[in-house]
Amino acid sequence: MLKFNIQKTINDIESNFLKKNLPMLKTGDNVKIGVKIIEGKRERVQFYEGTIIAKKNSSINTTITVRKILQGIGVERIFLIHSPKVDSITVLRSSKVRRAKLYYLRNLRGKASRLKQKI
Protein backbone atom coordinates (compact mmCIF):
# COMPACT_ATOMS: atom_id res chain seq x y z
CA MET A 1 0.00 0.00 0.00
CA LEU A 2 2.80 2.41 0.88
CA LYS A 3 4.67 1.62 -2.33
CA PHE A 4 1.56 2.44 -4.40
CA ASN A 5 1.19 5.84 -2.69
CA ILE A 6 4.83 6.72 -3.34
CA GLN A 7 4.54 5.80 -7.04
CA LYS A 8 1.32 7.82 -7.35
CA THR A 9 3.04 10.84 -5.78
CA ILE A 10 6.00 10.52 -8.16
CA ASN A 11 3.65 10.32 -11.15
CA ASP A 12 1.76 13.41 -9.99
CA ILE A 13 4.97 15.41 -9.66
CA GLU A 14 6.31 14.23 -13.03
CA SER A 15 3.06 15.08 -14.83
CA ASN A 16 3.64 18.78 -14.06
CA PHE A 17 6.85 18.74 -16.12
CA LEU A 18 5.56 16.86 -19.19
CA LYS A 19 5.40 18.99 -22.35
CA LYS A 20 1.95 19.17 -23.87
CA ASN A 21 2.67 20.55 -27.36
CA LEU A 22 4.97 17.86 -28.75
CA PRO A 23 4.46 16.52 -32.29
CA MET A 24 3.96 12.82 -32.94
CA LEU A 25 7.53 11.49 -33.21
CA LYS A 26 8.29 8.20 -34.94
CA THR A 27 11.44 6.37 -35.94
CA GLY A 28 12.55 7.48 -39.41
CA ASP A 29 11.27 11.04 -39.08
CA ASN A 30 13.58 13.85 -40.14
CA VAL A 31 13.40 16.42 -37.31
CA LYS A 32 14.75 19.84 -36.44
CA ILE A 33 15.35 20.26 -32.70
CA GLY A 34 16.01 23.64 -31.09
CA VAL A 35 18.37 23.27 -28.12
CA LYS A 36 18.96 26.08 -25.64
CA ILE A 37 22.65 26.94 -25.31
CA ILE A 38 23.91 29.17 -22.48
CA GLU A 39 27.05 31.18 -23.25
CA GLY A 40 28.02 33.31 -20.29
CA LYS A 41 24.96 35.40 -19.47
CA ARG A 42 23.39 35.01 -22.90
CA GLU A 43 21.05 32.26 -23.98
CA ARG A 44 20.44 31.25 -27.59
CA VAL A 45 18.76 28.43 -29.51
CA GLN A 46 20.89 26.16 -31.70
CA PHE A 47 19.16 23.83 -34.14
CA TYR A 48 20.11 20.18 -34.65
CA GLU A 49 18.65 18.49 -37.73
CA GLY A 50 18.73 14.77 -38.42
CA THR A 51 16.89 11.45 -38.57
CA ILE A 52 15.39 9.72 -35.54
CA ILE A 53 16.99 6.27 -35.41
CA ALA A 54 15.68 5.19 -31.99
CA LYS A 55 13.01 6.15 -29.48
CA LYS A 56 12.63 5.02 -25.87
CA ASN A 57 9.36 5.72 -24.07
CA SER A 58 8.99 6.01 -20.33
CA SER A 59 6.83 9.05 -19.51
CA ILE A 60 9.10 11.93 -18.48
CA ASN A 61 12.27 10.04 -19.43
CA THR A 62 11.31 9.65 -23.10
CA THR A 63 14.40 9.97 -25.30
CA ILE A 64 15.09 10.06 -29.02
CA THR A 65 18.40 9.35 -30.74
CA VAL A 66 18.98 11.67 -33.70
CA ARG A 67 21.64 10.96 -36.33
CA LYS A 68 23.04 13.37 -38.89
CA ILE A 69 26.03 13.34 -41.24
CA LEU A 70 28.43 16.22 -40.62
CA GLN A 71 31.36 16.57 -43.05
CA GLY A 72 31.21 12.89 -43.93
CA ILE A 73 31.13 11.71 -40.31
CA GLY A 74 28.00 10.37 -38.62
CA VAL A 75 27.05 12.21 -35.43
CA GLU A 76 24.43 10.88 -33.02
CA ARG A 77 22.89 12.74 -30.14
CA ILE A 78 20.36 11.62 -27.56
CA PHE A 79 17.68 14.13 -26.54
CA LEU A 80 15.44 13.98 -23.49
CA ILE A 81 12.34 15.44 -25.15
CA HIS A 82 10.69 16.72 -21.95
CA SER A 83 13.88 18.54 -20.88
CA PRO A 84 13.74 22.33 -20.43
CA LYS A 85 16.89 22.51 -22.61
CA VAL A 86 14.86 21.33 -25.63
CA ASP A 87 13.11 24.44 -26.95
CA SER A 88 11.26 23.11 -29.99
CA ILE A 89 10.84 19.97 -32.07
CA THR A 90 9.65 20.17 -35.69
CA VAL A 91 9.01 17.18 -37.94
CA LEU A 92 10.32 18.05 -41.40
CA ARG A 93 9.67 14.75 -43.20
CA SER A 94 8.36 11.29 -42.36
CA SER A 95 9.88 8.15 -43.84
CA LYS A 96 8.51 4.68 -44.42
CA VAL A 97 10.37 2.30 -42.09
CA ARG A 98 9.71 -1.26 -40.97
CA ARG A 99 11.87 -1.34 -37.86
CA ALA A 100 11.72 0.26 -34.42
CA LYS A 101 15.48 0.91 -34.30
CA LEU A 102 17.40 2.06 -37.38
CA TYR A 103 20.89 1.22 -36.15
CA TYR A 104 21.71 -0.30 -39.54
CA LEU A 105 22.02 3.26 -40.92
CA ARG A 106 25.35 3.52 -39.08
CA ASN A 107 26.94 1.19 -41.65
CA LEU A 108 25.47 2.86 -44.77
CA ARG A 109 26.99 5.77 -46.69
CA GLY A 110 25.71 8.25 -49.27
CA LYS A 111 22.61 7.41 -51.26
CA ALA A 112 22.31 3.99 -49.61
CA SER A 113 21.46 5.67 -46.30
CA ARG A 114 18.39 7.46 -47.70
CA LEU A 115 14.95 6.42 -46.48
CA LYS A 116 11.81 6.35 -48.63
CA GLN A 117 9.55 9.30 -47.92
CA LYS A 118 6.05 8.57 -46.64
CA ILE A 119 3.38 10.20 -48.80
C-alpha atoms as a PDB file:
ATOM      1  CA  MET A   1       0.000   0.000   0.000  1.00  0.00           C
ATOM      2  CA  LEU A   2       2.804   2.408   0.877  1.00  0.00           C
ATOM      3  CA  LYS A   3       4.667   1.620  -2.333  1.00  0.00           C
ATOM      4  CA  PHE A   4       1.560   2.444  -4.401  1.00  0.00           C
ATOM      5  CA  ASN A   5       1.194   5.842  -2.691  1.00  0.00           C
ATOM      6  CA  ILE A   6       4.830   6.722  -3.342  1.00  0.00           C
ATOM      7  CA  GLN A   7       4.538   5.801  -7.038  1.00  0.00           C
ATOM      8  CA  LYS A   8       1.317   7.825  -7.349  1.00  0.00           C
ATOM      9  CA  THR A   9       3.036  10.836  -5.780  1.00  0.00           C
ATOM     10  CA  ILE A  10       5.995  10.516  -8.156  1.00  0.00           C
ATOM     11  CA  ASN A  11       3.651  10.319 -11.155  1.00  0.00           C
ATOM     12  CA  ASP A  12       1.758  13.410  -9.992  1.00  0.00           C
ATOM     13  CA  ILE A  13       4.972  15.406  -9.661  1.00  0.00           C
ATOM     14  CA  GLU A  14       6.310  14.228 -13.032  1.00  0.00           C
ATOM     15  CA  SER A  15       3.062  15.079 -14.825  1.00  0.00           C
ATOM     16  CA  ASN A  16       3.637  18.775 -14.065  1.00  0.00           C
ATOM     17  CA  PHE A  17       6.852  18.737 -16.121  1.00  0.00           C
ATOM     18  CA  LEU A  18       5.562  16.858 -19.186  1.00  0.00           C
ATOM     19  CA  LYS A  19       5.401  18.991 -22.347  1.00  0.00           C
ATOM     20  CA  LYS A  20       1.945  19.169 -23.874  1.00  0.00           C
ATOM     21  CA  ASN A  21       2.671  20.554 -27.362  1.00  0.00           C
ATOM     22  CA  LEU A  22       4.970  17.856 -28.749  1.00  0.00           C
ATOM     23  CA  PRO A  23       4.462  16.523 -32.292  1.00  0.00           C
ATOM     24  CA  MET A  24       3.964  12.816 -32.938  1.00  0.00           C
ATOM     25  CA  LEU A  25       7.530  11.490 -33.206  1.00  0.00           C
ATOM     26  CA  LYS A  26       8.289   8.196 -34.939  1.00  0.00           C
ATOM     27  CA  THR A  27      11.441   6.366 -35.943  1.00  0.00           C
ATOM     28  CA  GLY A  28      12.548   7.479 -39.407  1.00  0.00           C
ATOM     29  CA  ASP A  29      11.272  11.044 -39.076  1.00  0.00           C
ATOM     30  CA  ASN A  30      13.575  13.851 -40.138  1.00  0.00           C
ATOM     31  CA  VAL A  31      13.399  16.416 -37.309  1.00  0.00           C
ATOM     32  CA  LYS A  32      14.748  19.841 -36.436  1.00  0.00           C
ATOM     33  CA  ILE A  33      15.355  20.259 -32.703  1.00  0.00           C
ATOM     34  CA  GLY A  34      16.008  23.638 -31.094  1.00  0.00           C
ATOM     35  CA  VAL A  35      18.368  23.267 -28.122  1.00  0.00           C
ATOM     36  CA  LYS A  36      18.957  26.082 -25.641  1.00  0.00           C
ATOM     37  CA  ILE A  37      22.653  26.940 -25.309  1.00  0.00           C
ATOM     38  CA  ILE A  38      23.915  29.167 -22.480  1.00  0.00           C
ATOM     39  CA  GLU A  39      27.045  31.177 -23.248  1.00  0.00           C
ATOM     40  CA  GLY A  40      28.021  33.307 -20.293  1.00  0.00           C
ATOM     41  CA  LYS A  41      24.962  35.402 -19.472  1.00  0.00           C
ATOM     42  CA  ARG A  42      23.387  35.007 -22.905  1.00  0.00           C
ATOM     43  CA  GLU A  43      21.047  32.256 -23.980  1.00  0.00           C
ATOM     44  CA  ARG A  44      20.439  31.248 -27.592  1.00  0.00           C
ATOM     45  CA  VAL A  45      18.762  28.433 -29.514  1.00  0.00           C
ATOM     46  CA  GLN A  46      20.891  26.159 -31.695  1.00  0.00           C
ATOM     47  CA  PHE A  47      19.158  23.825 -34.144  1.00  0.00           C
ATOM     48  CA  TYR A  48      20.105  20.178 -34.653  1.00  0.00           C
ATOM     49  CA  GLU A  49      18.651  18.492 -37.729  1.00  0.00           C
ATOM     50  CA  GLY A  50      18.731  14.770 -38.416  1.00  0.00           C
ATOM     51  CA  THR A  51      16.890  11.447 -38.569  1.00  0.00           C
ATOM     52  CA  ILE A  52      15.388   9.719 -35.543  1.00  0.00           C
ATOM     53  CA  ILE A  53      16.994   6.272 -35.406  1.00  0.00           C
ATOM     54  CA  ALA A  54      15.676   5.191 -31.987  1.00  0.00           C
ATOM     55  CA  LYS A  55      13.010   6.151 -29.481  1.00  0.00           C
ATOM     56  CA  LYS A  56      12.630   5.020 -25.874  1.00  0.00           C
ATOM     57  CA  ASN A  57       9.362   5.717 -24.074  1.00  0.00           C
ATOM     58  CA  SER A  58       8.992   6.008 -20.326  1.00  0.00           C
ATOM     59  CA  SER A  59       6.827   9.049 -19.505  1.00  0.00           C
ATOM     60  CA  ILE A  60       9.098  11.928 -18.484  1.00  0.00           C
ATOM     61  CA  ASN A  61      12.275  10.044 -19.427  1.00  0.00           C
ATOM     62  CA  THR A  62      11.309   9.653 -23.103  1.00  0.00           C
ATOM     63  CA  THR A  63      14.401   9.966 -25.298  1.00  0.00           C
ATOM     64  CA  ILE A  64      15.085  10.055 -29.019  1.00  0.00           C
ATOM     65  CA  THR A  65      18.396   9.353 -30.736  1.00  0.00           C
ATOM     66  CA  VAL A  66      18.981  11.669 -33.697  1.00  0.00           C
ATOM     67  CA  ARG A  67      21.642  10.964 -36.330  1.00  0.00           C
ATOM     68  CA  LYS A  68      23.042  13.371 -38.890  1.00  0.00           C
ATOM     69  CA  ILE A  69      26.026  13.341 -41.240  1.00  0.00           C
ATOM     70  CA  LEU A  70      28.433  16.216 -40.622  1.00  0.00           C
ATOM     71  CA  GLN A  71      31.364  16.570 -43.053  1.00  0.00           C
ATOM     72  CA  GLY A  72      31.207  12.888 -43.930  1.00  0.00           C
ATOM     73  CA  ILE A  73      31.132  11.711 -40.312  1.00  0.00           C
ATOM     74  CA  GLY A  74      28.004  10.368 -38.625  1.00  0.00           C
ATOM     75  CA  VAL A  75      27.052  12.205 -35.429  1.00  0.00           C
ATOM     76  CA  GLU A  76      24.428  10.883 -33.021  1.00  0.00           C
ATOM     77  CA  ARG A  77      22.893  12.739 -30.139  1.00  0.00           C
ATOM     78  CA  ILE A  78      20.358  11.618 -27.556  1.00  0.00           C
ATOM     79  CA  PHE A  79      17.685  14.128 -26.537  1.00  0.00           C
ATOM     80  CA  LEU A  80      15.442  13.984 -23.488  1.00  0.00           C
ATOM     81  CA  ILE A  81      12.339  15.441 -25.152  1.00  0.00           C
ATOM     82  CA  HIS A  82      10.691  16.725 -21.955  1.00  0.00           C
ATOM     83  CA  SER A  83      13.876  18.540 -20.885  1.00  0.00           C
ATOM     84  CA  PRO A  84      13.738  22.331 -20.427  1.00  0.00           C
ATOM     85  CA  LYS A  85      16.886  22.505 -22.610  1.00  0.00           C
ATOM     86  CA  VAL A  86      14.862  21.332 -25.633  1.00  0.00           C
ATOM     87  CA  ASP A  87      13.111  24.436 -26.953  1.00  0.00           C
ATOM     88  CA  SER A  88      11.261  23.112 -29.988  1.00  0.00           C
ATOM     89  CA  ILE A  89      10.844  19.975 -32.072  1.00  0.00           C
ATOM     90  CA  THR A  90       9.654  20.172 -35.686  1.00  0.00           C
ATOM     91  CA  VAL A  91       9.011  17.177 -37.938  1.00  0.00           C
ATOM     92  CA  LEU A  92      10.321  18.052 -41.403  1.00  0.00           C
ATOM     93  CA  ARG A  93       9.671  14.753 -43.204  1.00  0.00           C
ATOM     94  CA  SER A  94       8.364  11.288 -42.360  1.00  0.00           C
ATOM     95  CA  SER A  95       9.881   8.152 -43.843  1.00  0.00           C
ATOM     96  CA  LYS A  96       8.511   4.683 -44.415  1.00  0.00           C
ATOM     97  CA  VAL A  97      10.374   2.303 -42.086  1.00  0.00           C
ATOM     98  CA  ARG A  98       9.712  -1.260 -40.971  1.00  0.00           C
ATOM     99  CA  ARG A  99      11.871  -1.345 -37.857  1.00  0.00           C
ATOM    100  CA  ALA A 100      11.724   0.256 -34.424  1.00  0.00           C
ATOM    101  CA  LYS A 101      15.481   0.915 -34.296  1.00  0.00           C
ATOM    102  CA  LEU A 102      17.401   2.058 -37.379  1.00  0.00           C
ATOM    103  CA  TYR A 103      20.889   1.217 -36.146  1.00  0.00           C
ATOM    104  CA  TYR A 104      21.710  -0.296 -39.540  1.00  0.00           C
ATOM    105  CA  LEU A 105      22.018   3.261 -40.918  1.00  0.00           C
ATOM    106  CA  ARG A 106      25.352   3.520 -39.081  1.00  0.00           C
ATOM    107  CA  ASN A 107      26.941   1.194 -41.647  1.00  0.00           C
ATOM    108  CA  LEU A 108      25.474   2.857 -44.768  1.00  0.00           C
ATOM    109  CA  ARG A 109      26.994   5.770 -46.687  1.00  0.00           C
ATOM    110  CA  GLY A 110      25.715   8.245 -49.270  1.00  0.00           C
ATOM    111  CA  LYS A 111      22.612   7.409 -51.258  1.00  0.00           C
ATOM    112  CA  ALA A 112      22.314   3.994 -49.605  1.00  0.00           C
ATOM    113  CA  SER A 113      21.464   5.671 -46.302  1.00  0.00           C
ATOM    114  CA  ARG A 114      18.392   7.463 -47.702  1.00  0.00           C
ATOM    115  CA  LEU A 115      14.950   6.419 -46.478  1.00  0.00           C
ATOM    116  CA  LYS A 116      11.814   6.354 -48.631  1.00  0.00           C
ATOM    117  CA  GLN A 117       9.555   9.296 -47.918  1.00  0.00           C
ATOM    118  CA  LYS A 118       6.048   8.568 -46.643  1.00  0.00           C
ATOM    119  CA  ILE A 119       3.375  10.204 -48.797  1.00  0.00           C
END
